[in-house]
Amino acid sequence: MAKTCPTCGKGTIIVGHYSNRVRATKFNPTGNKRKYPNLQWAPLADGSRLKICTKCMKVGKHLEIKFV
């Protein structure tokens, strides 16, 4: 299972870029990090479950998903 939300498409991002000033003053500056979306299991209307992000869960998008 991919680490993306199937309803909104939110996925991983790379953060943690540092400026030249930080690089010049720190002995061991850290590089990039990968941040993942907060995916949680949400029950669907038909009784199955799906991993969606918490923002979609707050809005209630998991209640609107219909499977054919």
PDB file of N, CA and C in Angstrom:
ATOM      1  N   MET A   1       0.844  -1.175   0.000  1.00  0.00           N
ATOM      2  CA  MET A   1       0.000   0.000   0.000  1.00  0.00           C
ATOM      3  C   MET A   1       0.889   1.238   0.000  1.00  0.00           C
ATOM      4  N   ALA A   2       0.614   2.144  -0.901  1.00  0.00           N
ATOM      5  CA  ALA A   2       1.406   3.365  -1.013  1.00  0.00           C
ATOM      6  C   ALA A   2       1.062   4.315   0.133  1.00  0.00           C
ATOM      7  N   LYS A   3       1.983   5.196   0.432  1.00  0.00           N
ATOM      8  CA  LYS A   3       1.766   6.143   1.517  1.00  0.00           C
ATOM      9  C   LYS A   3       1.164   7.433   0.978  1.00  0.00           C
ATOM     10  N   THR A   4       0.048   7.307   0.280  1.00  0.00           N
ATOM     11  CA  THR A   4      -0.701   8.446  -0.217  1.00  0.00           C
ATOM     12  C   THR A   4      -2.169   8.252   0.121  1.00  0.00           C
ATOM     13  N   CYS A   5      -2.874   9.357   0.254  1.00  0.00           N
ATOM     14  CA  CYS A   5      -4.304   9.310   0.534  1.00  0.00           C
ATOM     15  C   CYS A   5      -5.035   9.094  -0.784  1.00  0.00           C
ATOM     16  N   PRO A   6      -5.881   8.062  -0.893  1.00  0.00           N
ATOM     17  CA  PRO A   6      -6.569   7.809  -2.160  1.00  0.00           C
ATOM     18  C   PRO A   6      -7.658   8.831  -2.485  1.00  0.00           C
ATOM     19  N   THR A   7      -8.154   9.573  -1.504  1.00  0.00           N
ATOM     20  CA  THR A   7      -9.232  10.515  -1.773  1.00  0.00           C
ATOM     21  C   THR A   7      -8.707  11.871  -2.240  1.00  0.00           C
ATOM     22  N   CYS A   8      -7.661  12.393  -1.607  1.00  0.00           N
ATOM     23  CA  CYS A   8      -7.165  13.727  -1.978  1.00  0.00           C
ATOM     24  C   CYS A   8      -5.813  13.684  -2.679  1.00  0.00           C
ATOM     25  N   GLY A   9      -5.101  12.543  -2.613  1.00  0.00           N
ATOM     26  CA  GLY A   9      -3.816  12.437  -3.281  1.00  0.00           C
ATOM     27  C   GLY A   9      -2.646  12.975  -2.496  1.00  0.00           C
ATOM     28  N   LYS A  10      -2.856  13.291  -1.228  1.00  0.00           N
ATOM     29  CA  LYS A  10      -1.760  13.801  -0.406  1.00  0.00           C
ATOM     30  C   LYS A  10      -0.720  12.710  -0.208  1.00  0.00           C
ATOM     31  N   GLY A  11       0.543  13.039  -0.442  1.00  0.00           N
ATOM     32  CA  GLY A  11       1.605  12.051  -0.331  1.00  0.00           C
ATOM     33  C   GLY A  11       2.766  12.570   0.485  1.00  0.00           C
ATOM     34  N   THR A  12       3.920  11.969   0.294  1.00  0.00           N
ATOM     35  CA  THR A  12       5.095  12.349   1.052  1.00  0.00           C
ATOM     36  C   THR A  12       5.708  13.613   0.465  1.00  0.00           C
ATOM     37  N   ILE A  13       6.390  14.381   1.336  1.00  0.00           N
ATOM     38  CA  ILE A  13       7.123  15.562   0.900  1.00  0.00           C
ATOM     39  C   ILE A  13       8.505  15.511   1.528  1.00  0.00           C
ATOM     40  N   ILE A  14       9.446  16.185   0.897  1.00  0.00           N
ATOM     41  CA  ILE A  14      10.803  16.256   1.423  1.00  0.00           C
ATOM     42  C   ILE A  14      10.997  17.650   2.000  1.00  0.00           C
ATOM     43  N   VAL A  15      11.394  17.716   3.274  1.00  0.00           N
ATOM     44  CA  VAL A  15      11.595  18.987   3.973  1.00  0.00           C
ATOM     45  C   VAL A  15      12.978  18.975   4.610  1.00  0.00           C
ATOM     46  N   GLY A  16      13.360  20.105   5.155  1.00  0.00           N
ATOM     47  CA  GLY A  16      14.588  20.171   5.928  1.00  0.00           C
ATOM     48  C   GLY A  16      15.759  20.783   5.194  1.00  0.00           C
ATOM     49  N   HIS A  17      15.513  21.600   4.197  1.00  0.00           N
ATOM     50  CA  HIS A  17      16.620  22.289   3.543  1.00  0.00           C
ATOM     51  C   HIS A  17      17.175  23.332   4.496  1.00  0.00           C
ATOM     52  N   TYR A  18      18.453  23.498   4.500  1.00  0.00           N
ATOM     53  CA  TYR A  18      19.054  24.469   5.402  1.00  0.00           C
ATOM     54  C   TYR A  18      19.827  25.489   4.587  1.00  0.00           C
ATOM     55  N   SER A  19      19.957  26.686   5.149  1.00  0.00           N
ATOM     56  CA  SER A  19      20.609  27.775   4.443  1.00  0.00           C
ATOM     57  C   SER A  19      22.128  27.639   4.548  1.00  0.00           C
ATOM     58  N   ASN A  20      22.821  28.464   3.814  1.00  0.00           N
ATOM     59  CA  ASN A  20      24.282  28.449   3.838  1.00  0.00           C
ATOM     60  C   ASN A  20      24.802  28.900   5.203  1.00  0.00           C
ATOM     61  N   ARG A  21      24.077  29.792   5.886  1.00  0.00           N
ATOM     62  CA  ARG A  21      24.499  30.267   7.216  1.00  0.00           C
ATOM     63  C   ARG A  21      24.477  29.106   8.218  1.00  0.00           C
ATOM     64  N   VAL A  22      23.463  28.290   8.163  1.00  0.00           N
ATOM     65  CA  VAL A  22      23.380  27.138   9.060  1.00  0.00           C
ATOM     66  C   VAL A  22      24.502  26.164   8.740  1.00  0.00           C
ATOM     67  N   ARG A  23      24.755  25.965   7.478  1.00  0.00           N
ATOM     68  CA  ARG A  23      25.807  25.047   7.067  1.00  0.00           C
ATOM     69  C   ARG A  23      27.178  25.537   7.530  1.00  0.00           C
ATOM     70  N   ALA A  24      27.365  26.856   7.559  1.00  0.00           N
ATOM     71  CA  ALA A  24      28.660  27.409   7.932  1.00  0.00           C
ATOM     72  C   ALA A  24      28.887  27.378   9.440  1.00  0.00           C
ATOM     73  N   THR A  25      27.816  27.413  10.239  1.00  0.00           N
ATOM     74  CA  THR A  25      27.995  27.508  11.687  1.00  0.00           C
ATOM     75  C   THR A  25      27.838  26.184  12.408  1.00  0.00           C
ATOM     76  N   LYS A  26      27.161  25.214  11.807  1.00  0.00           N
ATOM     77  CA  LYS A  26      26.950  23.938  12.482  1.00  0.00           C
ATOM     78  C   LYS A  26      28.021  22.947  12.079  1.00  0.00           C
ATOM     79  N   PHE A  27      28.399  22.120  13.021  1.00  0.00           N
ATOM     80  CA  PHE A  27      29.435  21.126  12.741  1.00  0.00           C
ATOM     81  C   PHE A  27      28.896  20.002  11.874  1.00  0.00           C
ATOM     82  N   ASN A  28      27.677  19.543  12.170  1.00  0.00           N
ATOM     83  CA  ASN A  28      27.106  18.442  11.418  1.00  0.00           C
ATOM     84  C   ASN A  28      25.645  18.760  11.089  1.00  0.00           C
ATOM     85  N   PRO A  29      25.405  19.594  10.075  1.00  0.00           N
ATOM     86  CA  PRO A  29      24.009  19.919   9.750  1.00  0.00           C
ATOM     87  C   PRO A  29      23.306  18.716   9.130  1.00  0.00           C
ATOM     88  N   THR A  30      22.046  18.560   9.462  1.00  0.00           N
ATOM     89  CA  THR A  30      21.288  17.439   8.920  1.00  0.00           C
ATOM     90  C   THR A  30      20.720  17.827   7.572  1.00  0.00           C
ATOM     91  N   GLY A  31      20.540  16.848   6.734  1.00  0.00           N
ATOM     92  CA  GLY A  31      20.034  17.090   5.392  1.00  0.00           C
ATOM     93  C   GLY A  31      18.539  16.980   5.311  1.00  0.00           C
ATOM     94  N   ASN A  32      18.061  16.463   4.208  1.00  0.00           N
ATOM     95  CA  ASN A  32      16.634  16.388   3.956  1.00  0.00           C
ATOM     96  C   ASN A  32      15.996  15.245   4.735  1.00  0.00           C
ATOM     97  N   LYS A  33      14.731  15.430   5.067  1.00  0.00           N
ATOM     98  CA  LYS A  33      13.930  14.387   5.705  1.00  0.00           C
ATOM     99  C   LYS A  33      12.662  14.214   4.896  1.00  0.00           C
ATOM    100  N   ARG A  34      12.084  13.045   4.968  1.00  0.00           N
ATOM    101  CA  ARG A  34      10.837  12.777   4.270  1.00  0.00           C
ATOM    102  C   ARG A  34       9.707  12.763   5.292  1.00  0.00           C
ATOM    103  N   LYS A  35       8.690  13.578   5.064  1.00  0.00           N
ATOM    104  CA  LYS A  35       7.519  13.640   5.936  1.00  0.00           C
ATOM    105  C   LYS A  35       6.369  12.889   5.273  1.00  0.00           C
ATOM    106  N   TYR A  36       5.679  12.091   6.065  1.00  0.00           N
ATOM    107  CA  TYR A  36       4.594  11.268   5.565  1.00  0.00           C
ATOM    108  C   TYR A  36       3.254  11.813   6.039  1.00  0.00           C
ATOM    109  N   PRO A  37       2.188  11.628   5.267  1.00  0.00           N
ATOM    110  CA  PRO A  37       0.871  12.075   5.713  1.00  0.00           C
ATOM    111  C   PRO A  37       0.348  11.188   6.843  1.00  0.00           C
ATOM    112  N   ASN A  38      -0.536  11.747   7.636  1.00  0.00           N
ATOM    113  CA  ASN A  38      -1.111  11.026   8.769  1.00  0.00           C
ATOM    114  C   ASN A  38      -2.269  10.173   8.265  1.00  0.00           C
ATOM    115  N   LEU A  39      -1.954   8.939   7.868  1.00  0.00           N
ATOM    116  CA  LEU A  39      -2.976   8.032   7.344  1.00  0.00           C
ATOM    117  C   LEU A  39      -3.525   7.164   8.461  1.00  0.00           C
ATOM    118  N   GLN A  40      -4.850   7.076   8.508  1.00  0.00           N
ATOM    119  CA  GLN A  40      -5.526   6.286   9.528  1.00  0.00           C
ATOM    120  C   GLN A  40      -6.591   5.425   8.863  1.00  0.00           C
ATOM    121  N   TRP A  41      -6.932   4.320   9.527  1.00  0.00           N
ATOM    122  CA  TRP A  41      -7.994   3.458   9.025  1.00  0.00           C
ATOM    123  C   TRP A  41      -9.338   4.131   9.280  1.00  0.00           C
ATOM    124  N   ALA A  42     -10.153   4.194   8.234  1.00  0.00           N
ATOM    125  CA  ALA A  42     -11.486   4.790   8.356  1.00  0.00           C
ATOM    126  C   ALA A  42     -12.522   3.797   7.850  1.00  0.00           C
ATOM    127  N   PRO A  43     -13.611   3.625   8.587  1.00  0.00           N
ATOM    128  CA  PRO A  43     -14.655   2.704   8.120  1.00  0.00           C
ATOM    129  C   PRO A  43     -15.457   3.333   6.993  1.00  0.00           C
ATOM    130  N   LEU A  44     -15.788   2.531   5.999  1.00  0.00           N
ATOM    131  CA  LEU A  44     -16.604   2.994   4.877  1.00  0.00           C
ATOM    132  C   LEU A  44     -18.060   2.616   5.102  1.00  0.00           C
ATOM    133  N   ALA A  45     -18.927   3.090   4.212  1.00  0.00           N
ATOM    134  CA  ALA A  45     -20.361   2.855   4.365  1.00  0.00           C
ATOM    135  C   ALA A  45     -20.719   1.377   4.190  1.00  0.00           C
ATOM    136  N   ASP A  46     -19.947   0.656   3.366  1.00  0.00           N
ATOM    137  CA  ASP A  46     -20.260  -0.755   3.135  1.00  0.00           C
ATOM    138  C   ASP A  46     -19.655  -1.685   4.181  1.00  0.00           C
ATOM    139  N   GLY A  47     -18.967  -1.134   5.188  1.00  0.00           N
ATOM    140  CA  GLY A  47     -18.404  -1.950   6.259  1.00  0.00           C
ATOM    141  C   GLY A  47     -16.929  -2.234   6.119  1.00  0.00           C
ATOM    142  N   SER A  48     -16.341  -1.983   4.958  1.00  0.00           N
ATOM    143  CA  SER A  48     -14.898  -2.197   4.788  1.00  0.00           C
ATOM    144  C   SER A  48     -14.128  -1.003   5.340  1.00  0.00           C
ATOM    145  N   ARG A  49     -12.810  -1.109   5.310  1.00  0.00           N
ATOM    146  CA  ARG A  49     -11.972  -0.042   5.840  1.00  0.00           C
ATOM    147  C   ARG A  49     -11.009   0.429   4.762  1.00  0.00           C
ATOM    148  N   LEU A  50     -10.525   1.678   4.918  1.00  0.00           N
ATOM    149  CA  LEU A  50      -9.610   2.276   3.957  1.00  0.00           C
ATOM    150  C   LEU A  50      -8.709   3.240   4.701  1.00  0.00           C
ATOM    151  N   LYS A  51      -7.431   3.297   4.316  1.00  0.00           N
ATOM    152  CA  LYS A  51      -6.510   4.241   4.937  1.00  0.00           C
ATOM    153  C   LYS A  51      -6.597   5.575   4.220  1.00  0.00           C
ATOM    154  N   ILE A  52      -7.053   6.623   4.931  1.00  0.00           N
ATOM    155  CA  ILE A  52      -7.115   7.970   4.375  1.00  0.00           C
ATOM    156  C   ILE A  52      -6.468   8.931   5.360  1.00  0.00           C
ATOM    157  N   CYS A  53      -6.140  10.143   4.885  1.00  0.00           N
ATOM    158  CA  CYS A  53      -5.495  11.119   5.765  1.00  0.00           C
ATOM    159  C   CYS A  53      -6.534  11.693   6.734  1.00  0.00           C
ATOM    160  N   THR A  54      -6.048  12.245   7.830  1.00  0.00           N
ATOM    161  CA  THR A  54      -6.951  12.725   8.869  1.00  0.00           C
ATOM    162  C   THR A  54      -7.717  13.963   8.438  1.00  0.00           C
ATOM    163  N   LYS A  55      -7.183  14.740   7.494  1.00  0.00           N
ATOM    164  CA  LYS A  55      -7.911  15.904   7.006  1.00  0.00           C
ATOM    165  C   LYS A  55      -9.168  15.462   6.261  1.00  0.00           C
ATOM    166  N   CYS A  56      -9.035  14.424   5.434  1.00  0.00           N
ATOM    167  CA  CYS A  56     -10.205  13.885   4.732  1.00  0.00           C
ATOM    168  C   CYS A  56     -11.177  13.243   5.719  1.00  0.00           C
ATOM    169  N   MET A  57     -10.638  12.678   6.786  1.00  0.00           N
ATOM    170  CA  MET A  57     -11.499  12.050   7.786  1.00  0.00           C
ATOM    171  C   MET A  57     -12.317  13.102   8.530  1.00  0.00           C
ATOM    172  N   LYS A  58     -11.714  14.253   8.811  1.00  0.00           N
ATOM    173  CA  LYS A  58     -12.432  15.328   9.491  1.00  0.00           C
ATOM    174  C   LYS A  58     -13.561  15.873   8.628  1.00  0.00           C
ATOM    175  N   VAL A  59     -13.298  16.006   7.330  1.00  0.00           N
ATOM    176  CA  VAL A  59     -14.299  16.537   6.410  1.00  0.00           C
ATOM    177  C   VAL A  59     -15.419  15.530   6.191  1.00  0.00           C
ATOM    178  N   GLY A  60     -15.096  14.241   6.290  1.00  0.00           N
ATOM    179  CA  GLY A  60     -16.091  13.195   6.124  1.00  0.00           C
ATOM    180  C   GLY A  60     -16.102  12.605   4.738  1.00  0.00           C
ATOM    181  N   LYS A  61     -14.974  12.664   4.043  1.00  0.00           N
ATOM    182  CA  LYS A  61     -14.911  12.120   2.685  1.00  0.00           C
ATOM    183  C   LYS A  61     -15.024  10.599   2.673  1.00  0.00           C
ATOM    184  N   HIS A  62     -14.687   9.945   3.779  1.00  0.00           N
ATOM    185  CA  HIS A  62     -14.781   8.488   3.796  1.00  0.00           C
ATOM    186  C   HIS A  62     -16.233   8.018   3.801  1.00  0.00           C
ATOM    187  N   LEU A  63     -17.160   8.887   4.167  1.00  0.00           N
ATOM    188  CA  LEU A  63     -18.574   8.523   4.150  1.00  0.00           C
ATOM    189  C   LEU A  63     -19.176   8.650   2.754  1.00  0.00           C
ATOM    190  N   GLU A  64     -18.501   9.429   1.874  1.00  0.00           N
ATOM    191  CA  GLU A  64     -19.029   9.657   0.530  1.00  0.00           C
ATOM    192  C   GLU A  64     -18.528   8.644  -0.485  1.00  0.00           C
ATOM    193  N   ILE A  65     -17.527   7.814  -0.134  1.00  0.00           N
ATOM    194  CA  ILE A  65     -16.931   6.886  -1.079  1.00  0.00           C
ATOM    195  C   ILE A  65     -17.907   5.751  -1.355  1.00  0.00           C
ATOM    196  N   LYS A  66     -18.177   5.533  -2.627  1.00  0.00           N
ATOM    197  CA  LYS A  66     -19.067   4.454  -3.034  1.00  0.00           C
ATOM    198  C   LYS A  66     -18.296   3.484  -3.916  1.00  0.00           C
ATOM    199  N   PHE A  67     -18.371   2.186  -3.617  1.00  0.00           N
ATOM    200  CA  PHE A  67     -17.734   1.143  -4.417  1.00  0.00           C
ATOM    201  C   PHE A  67     -18.791   0.432  -5.244  1.00  0.00           C
ATOM    202  N   VAL A  68     -18.479   0.213  -6.498  1.00  0.00           N
ATOM    203  CA  VAL A  68     -19.434  -0.425  -7.409  1.00  0.00           C
ATOM    204  C   VAL A  68     -19.221  -1.923  -7.432  1.00  0.00           C
TER     205      VAL A  68
END
